[in-house]
Amino acid sequence: MMTRTLFVFRGFPCMESIVSHSIRAQARRAVLAVLLAVSILAAGSVSAQDARLMRPGVTPTAVVAGSKVPGSSDPATGFRMLQDDVADGGVVDPGPSPFLAGLMSGLIPGSGQLIQGKSRGWVYLGVEIAAWFATLSLNSAGDQAITDARRFADGHYSLERYDTVNECGDDVGPVDKETESAVLHDNYDNNRDAYYDDIGSQDVYACGWDDQAVTGGANRSQYNDLRGEADGLHTGADIAVGVIVVNHLVSAVDAARIAANRRRQVSDGALDLRVSPDPGGLLAFQVQMHRTF
């Protein structure tokens, strides 16, 4: 353990014959108050990280040791700090537990960081909002692209044409017309997604397109391009969902780690204020910050 002395003050000999008891009591409290204030400032100058462990306006716990000072009216306590002298003295706030901080960020990314005063919580929250916006926008655009593609197919493909046309180009057209036709009609009635997929991807159904024999399937190609655009938009939405999941996990782990480090720093550090008489009759005040490295 490394111990660093931040502040040492030595006073003057006590003059009991001059200073009354009430004045000595008031002076004692004033001196102790000043020393506590100095200890806070000194501790803050040593480590900015340690200073962040304290809430605004809260005083770190002080431990006062000493014996009776010559002239003291209370030989049992001397300069040992009384409860009313510290009057609701604060302690270093350890913050939320790692579990609570992790749970908060697991539910709402960034909240576990923000409650501990870490501004990077806004980054996690911003990523969450952006990812949700991307997910909803891409899904909506993908659904619209599917609707547009199917509307295009309905204008250029028909089952009646497929049933009546047996030849519409090289390497396309029916192979087993009866079986293939039964499947296509069944999909149209019971599985519309499969129907719209088959008329674009299966060559055996190409003769149902209005320009297959003339252009070689330009409309079919355009239809497949529209479906590919819709698929790309939905893939982007799936990626955004993945970002949301990862953001929740990373934010939760980070918040729990911050809380664990904060509690370890609080348990490893202590601020001591010691008041004791000097052999020469002087009052010695010493403030120490103990920190385990």
Protein backbone atom coordinates (compact mmCIF):
# COMPACT_ATOMS: atom_id res chain seq x y z
CA MET A 1 0.00 0.00 0.00
CA MET A 2 1.32 3.44 -0.93
CA THR A 3 0.44 6.26 1.52
CA ARG A 4 0.70 9.84 0.36
CA THR A 5 0.56 12.79 2.82
CA LEU A 6 -1.34 15.63 1.25
CA PHE A 7 -1.42 18.28 3.96
CA VAL A 8 0.34 18.86 7.29
CA PHE A 9 -0.38 21.77 9.59
CA ARG A 10 1.11 22.56 12.98
CA GLY A 11 -0.53 25.11 15.27
CA PHE A 12 0.64 27.27 18.15
CA PRO A 13 0.80 26.40 21.87
CA CYS A 14 -2.56 26.47 23.59
CA MET A 15 -3.10 29.58 25.74
CA GLU A 16 -5.71 28.38 28.24
CA SER A 17 -5.16 31.34 30.50
CA ILE A 18 -6.20 33.77 27.79
CA VAL A 19 -8.94 31.96 25.80
CA SER A 20 -12.19 31.08 27.50
CA HIS A 21 -13.81 27.66 27.26
CA SER A 22 -16.60 28.79 24.88
CA ILE A 23 -14.17 30.49 22.55
CA ARG A 24 -11.96 27.38 22.55
CA ALA A 25 -14.95 25.20 21.60
CA GLN A 26 -15.92 27.50 18.75
CA ALA A 27 -12.34 27.75 17.55
CA ARG A 28 -12.00 23.98 17.68
CA ARG A 29 -15.02 23.50 15.46
CA ALA A 30 -13.84 26.20 13.07
CA VAL A 31 -10.38 24.63 12.77
CA LEU A 32 -11.85 21.20 12.13
CA ALA A 33 -14.22 22.62 9.50
CA VAL A 34 -11.32 24.33 7.74
CA LEU A 35 -9.28 21.13 7.83
CA LEU A 36 -12.13 19.13 6.32
CA ALA A 37 -12.47 21.67 3.52
CA VAL A 38 -8.72 21.58 2.89
CA SER A 39 -8.76 17.78 2.85
CA ILE A 40 -11.40 17.79 0.10
CA LEU A 41 -9.42 20.24 -2.03
CA ALA A 42 -6.19 18.33 -1.48
CA ALA A 43 -7.75 15.00 -2.37
CA GLY A 44 -9.23 16.50 -5.53
CA SER A 45 -5.85 17.81 -6.64
CA VAL A 46 -4.25 14.36 -6.32
CA SER A 47 -6.63 12.44 -8.52
CA ALA A 48 -9.41 13.73 -10.77
CA GLN A 49 -10.73 10.21 -10.93
CA ASP A 50 -11.07 10.01 -7.16
CA ALA A 51 -12.80 13.38 -7.15
CA ARG A 52 -15.43 12.05 -9.55
CA LEU A 53 -16.31 9.42 -6.97
CA MET A 54 -17.80 12.12 -4.73
CA ARG A 55 -21.19 13.70 -5.16
CA PRO A 56 -21.23 17.51 -5.41
CA GLY A 57 -21.22 19.03 -1.96
CA VAL A 58 -20.52 15.75 -0.11
CA THR A 59 -17.58 15.52 2.25
CA PRO A 60 -15.46 12.36 2.34
CA THR A 61 -15.49 10.37 5.57
CA ALA A 62 -12.90 11.67 8.04
CA VAL A 63 -11.32 9.62 10.79
CA VAL A 64 -9.97 11.72 13.64
CA ALA A 65 -7.58 10.34 16.21
CA GLY A 66 -6.07 12.21 19.14
CA SER A 67 -5.78 12.54 22.86
CA LYS A 68 -6.53 15.21 25.39
CA VAL A 69 -5.05 18.54 24.48
CA PRO A 70 -3.59 20.51 27.37
CA GLY A 71 -6.27 22.75 28.75
CA SER A 72 -9.18 20.76 27.34
CA SER A 73 -12.23 20.64 29.59
CA ASP A 74 -13.12 17.16 28.35
CA PRO A 75 -10.24 14.76 29.14
CA ALA A 76 -12.24 11.77 27.89
CA THR A 77 -12.44 12.99 24.32
CA GLY A 78 -9.92 15.74 23.87
CA PHE A 79 -9.98 16.60 20.19
CA ARG A 80 -11.78 13.44 19.08
CA MET A 81 -14.42 14.64 16.64
CA LEU A 82 -17.96 14.62 18.06
CA GLN A 83 -20.95 13.52 16.07
CA ASP A 84 -22.43 17.01 16.03
CA ASP A 85 -19.15 18.37 14.69
CA VAL A 86 -19.53 16.39 11.46
CA ALA A 87 -23.29 17.09 11.32
CA ASP A 88 -24.46 14.74 8.61
CA GLY A 89 -21.00 14.35 7.15
CA GLY A 90 -21.20 12.48 3.84
CA VAL A 91 -19.41 9.43 2.61
CA VAL A 92 -18.11 8.55 -0.79
CA ASP A 93 -21.05 7.30 -2.82
CA PRO A 94 -20.31 3.84 -4.28
CA GLY A 95 -23.06 4.31 -6.86
CA PRO A 96 -25.34 1.56 -8.20
CA SER A 97 -24.31 -2.06 -7.98
CA PRO A 98 -22.79 -3.65 -11.11
CA PHE A 99 -25.93 -5.77 -11.48
CA LEU A 100 -28.28 -2.77 -11.32
CA ALA A 101 -26.13 -0.66 -13.65
CA GLY A 102 -25.88 -3.53 -16.14
CA LEU A 103 -29.61 -4.20 -15.95
CA MET A 104 -30.43 -0.55 -16.59
CA SER A 105 -28.24 -0.37 -19.68
CA GLY A 106 -29.48 -3.77 -20.80
CA LEU A 107 -33.01 -2.37 -20.87
CA ILE A 108 -32.20 1.18 -22.02
CA PRO A 109 -28.64 1.44 -23.42
CA GLY A 110 -26.68 4.28 -21.85
CA SER A 111 -28.87 4.68 -18.76
CA GLY A 112 -26.45 2.71 -16.56
CA GLN A 113 -23.60 4.97 -17.67
CA LEU A 114 -25.52 8.23 -17.30
CA ILE A 115 -26.63 7.44 -13.74
CA GLN A 116 -22.93 7.12 -12.88
CA GLY A 117 -22.05 10.42 -14.54
CA LYS A 118 -20.45 8.92 -17.65
CA SER A 119 -21.23 11.00 -20.72
CA ARG A 120 -20.58 8.12 -23.10
CA GLY A 121 -24.01 6.88 -22.08
CA TRP A 122 -25.35 9.37 -24.61
CA VAL A 123 -23.45 7.50 -27.33
CA TYR A 124 -25.18 4.21 -26.48
CA LEU A 125 -28.53 5.97 -26.31
CA GLY A 126 -27.89 7.68 -29.65
CA VAL A 127 -26.96 4.38 -31.30
CA GLU A 128 -30.16 2.84 -29.91
CA ILE A 129 -32.36 5.60 -31.32
CA ALA A 130 -30.59 5.56 -34.71
CA ALA A 131 -30.78 1.76 -34.96
CA TRP A 132 -34.49 1.70 -34.17
CA PHE A 133 -35.11 4.46 -36.69
CA ALA A 134 -33.18 2.52 -39.33
CA THR A 135 -35.04 -0.70 -38.53
CA LEU A 136 -38.48 0.86 -38.84
CA SER A 137 -37.58 2.91 -41.91
CA LEU A 138 -35.94 0.04 -43.80
CA ASN A 139 -38.74 -2.38 -42.98
CA SER A 140 -41.32 0.12 -44.14
CA ALA A 141 -39.41 0.82 -47.36
CA GLY A 142 -38.91 -2.90 -47.96
CA ASP A 143 -42.62 -3.61 -47.51
CA GLN A 144 -43.45 -0.83 -49.94
CA ALA A 145 -40.95 -2.22 -52.47
CA ILE A 146 -42.61 -5.64 -52.24
CA THR A 147 -46.01 -4.03 -52.81
CA ASP A 148 -44.69 -2.17 -55.85
CA ALA A 149 -43.10 -5.31 -57.27
CA ARG A 150 -46.29 -7.34 -56.90
CA ARG A 151 -48.34 -4.56 -58.42
CA PHE A 152 -45.95 -4.59 -61.38
CA ALA A 153 -46.30 -8.37 -61.70
CA ASP A 154 -50.08 -8.18 -61.60
CA GLY A 155 -49.95 -5.80 -64.57
CA HIS A 156 -47.64 -7.96 -66.68
CA TYR A 157 -48.23 -11.58 -65.66
CA SER A 158 -51.38 -13.68 -65.82
CA LEU A 159 -52.28 -17.29 -65.10
CA GLU A 160 -54.54 -17.37 -68.16
CA ARG A 161 -51.63 -16.52 -70.42
CA TYR A 162 -49.47 -19.15 -68.76
CA ASP A 163 -52.20 -21.77 -69.25
CA THR A 164 -52.56 -21.04 -72.97
CA VAL A 165 -48.96 -20.39 -74.06
CA ASN A 166 -46.70 -23.43 -74.22
CA GLU A 167 -43.68 -21.93 -76.00
CA CYS A 168 -42.18 -18.51 -75.32
CA GLY A 169 -38.44 -18.77 -75.98
CA ASP A 170 -35.38 -20.94 -75.74
CA ASP A 171 -34.66 -22.67 -72.43
CA VAL A 172 -37.88 -21.32 -70.85
CA GLY A 173 -41.39 -22.66 -70.71
CA PRO A 174 -43.15 -25.65 -69.22
CA VAL A 175 -41.55 -29.04 -68.79
CA ASP A 176 -44.42 -30.87 -67.08
CA LYS A 177 -47.23 -28.46 -67.80
CA GLU A 178 -49.95 -30.30 -65.87
CA THR A 179 -47.99 -30.65 -62.66
CA GLU A 180 -46.40 -27.21 -62.85
CA SER A 181 -49.72 -25.55 -63.58
CA ALA A 182 -51.37 -27.28 -60.61
CA VAL A 183 -48.62 -26.06 -58.29
CA LEU A 184 -48.80 -22.48 -59.59
CA HIS A 185 -52.60 -22.29 -59.22
CA ASP A 186 -52.43 -23.78 -55.73
CA ASN A 187 -49.83 -21.23 -54.69
CA TYR A 188 -51.91 -18.41 -56.10
CA ASP A 189 -54.90 -19.52 -54.01
CA ASN A 190 -53.14 -20.56 -50.80
CA ASN A 191 -49.57 -19.24 -50.73
CA ARG A 192 -49.30 -15.91 -52.50
CA ASP A 193 -45.69 -15.36 -51.40
CA ALA A 194 -44.62 -18.58 -53.13
CA TYR A 195 -46.62 -17.61 -56.21
CA TYR A 196 -44.88 -14.24 -56.59
CA ASP A 197 -41.53 -15.89 -55.97
CA ASP A 198 -42.07 -18.63 -58.58
CA ILE A 199 -43.19 -16.40 -61.44
CA GLY A 200 -39.97 -14.47 -61.15
CA SER A 201 -37.46 -17.18 -60.34
CA GLN A 202 -38.72 -20.28 -62.15
CA ASP A 203 -38.14 -20.49 -65.92
CA VAL A 204 -41.00 -22.98 -66.32
CA TYR A 205 -43.47 -20.19 -65.54
CA ALA A 206 -41.91 -17.58 -67.84
CA CYS A 207 -44.60 -17.87 -70.51
CA GLY A 208 -47.05 -16.06 -68.30
CA TRP A 209 -45.19 -12.76 -68.82
CA ASP A 210 -46.70 -10.52 -71.49
CA ASP A 211 -43.41 -9.78 -73.30
CA GLN A 212 -41.52 -13.05 -72.85
CA ALA A 213 -41.77 -14.11 -76.49
CA VAL A 214 -41.02 -10.60 -77.77
CA THR A 215 -38.27 -9.13 -75.54
CA GLY A 216 -36.97 -12.31 -73.95
CA GLY A 217 -38.34 -11.37 -70.54
CA ALA A 218 -37.56 -7.67 -69.95
CA ASN A 219 -40.54 -7.27 -67.67
CA ARG A 220 -39.60 -10.40 -65.77
CA SER A 221 -36.09 -9.01 -65.26
CA GLN A 222 -37.46 -5.68 -64.04
CA TYR A 223 -39.75 -7.52 -61.65
CA ASN A 224 -36.81 -9.48 -60.23
CA ASP A 225 -34.88 -6.23 -59.79
CA LEU A 226 -37.76 -4.77 -57.78
CA ARG A 227 -37.87 -7.88 -55.60
CA GLY A 228 -34.10 -7.68 -55.11
CA GLU A 229 -34.44 -4.08 -53.94
CA ALA A 230 -37.07 -5.13 -51.41
CA ASP A 231 -34.88 -7.96 -50.17
CA GLY A 232 -31.96 -5.56 -49.75
CA LEU A 233 -34.04 -3.18 -47.66
CA HIS A 234 -35.23 -5.99 -45.39
CA THR A 235 -31.66 -7.25 -45.04
CA GLY A 236 -30.62 -3.76 -43.91
CA ALA A 237 -33.42 -3.81 -41.33
CA ASP A 238 -32.17 -7.16 -40.05
CA ILE A 239 -28.66 -5.71 -39.68
CA ALA A 240 -30.08 -2.76 -37.73
CA VAL A 241 -31.82 -5.21 -35.38
CA GLY A 242 -28.46 -6.91 -34.86
CA VAL A 243 -26.94 -3.53 -33.99
CA ILE A 244 -29.69 -3.00 -31.40
CA VAL A 245 -28.97 -6.36 -29.75
CA VAL A 246 -25.20 -5.77 -29.69
CA ASN A 247 -25.69 -2.23 -28.37
CA HIS A 248 -27.77 -3.55 -25.46
CA LEU A 249 -25.16 -6.18 -24.59
CA VAL A 250 -22.13 -3.91 -24.89
CA SER A 251 -23.80 -1.09 -22.95
CA ALA A 252 -24.82 -3.49 -20.16
CA VAL A 253 -21.31 -4.94 -19.80
CA ASP A 254 -19.73 -1.49 -19.91
CA ALA A 255 -22.09 -0.10 -17.25
CA ALA A 256 -21.46 -3.08 -14.97
CA ARG A 257 -17.70 -2.69 -15.42
CA ILE A 258 -17.84 1.03 -14.55
CA ALA A 259 -19.85 0.27 -11.40
CA ALA A 260 -17.46 -2.51 -10.35
CA ASN A 261 -14.41 -0.26 -10.85
CA ARG A 262 -16.10 2.55 -8.95
CA ARG A 263 -16.81 0.32 -5.94
CA ARG A 264 -13.29 -1.06 -5.99
CA GLN A 265 -11.86 2.47 -5.97
CA VAL A 266 -14.09 3.45 -3.07
CA SER A 267 -13.07 0.40 -1.04
CA ASP A 268 -9.36 0.88 -1.83
CA GLY A 269 -9.22 4.56 -0.92
CA ALA A 270 -9.59 6.26 2.47
CA LEU A 271 -9.12 9.83 3.65
CA ASP A 272 -7.85 10.26 7.23
CA LEU A 273 -7.77 13.46 9.29
CA ARG A 274 -5.60 13.09 12.35
CA VAL A 275 -5.41 15.64 15.21
CA SER A 276 -2.93 14.95 18.00
CA PRO A 277 -0.82 16.90 20.50
CA ASP A 278 2.83 17.44 19.77
CA PRO A 279 5.34 16.64 22.54
CA GLY A 280 6.31 20.28 22.51
CA GLY A 281 2.76 21.36 23.34
CA LEU A 282 1.68 22.20 19.80
CA LEU A 283 -1.38 20.87 18.08
CA ALA A 284 -0.48 18.80 15.02
CA PHE A 285 -3.00 18.39 12.24
CA GLN A 286 -2.33 15.90 9.43
CA VAL A 287 -4.47 14.90 6.47
CA GLN A 288 -3.59 11.70 4.60
CA MET A 289 -5.03 9.99 1.57
CA HIS A 290 -4.48 6.24 1.66
CA ARG A 291 -4.77 4.46 -1.66
CA THR A 292 -3.98 0.84 -2.50
CA PHE A 293 -2.29 0.38 -5.88
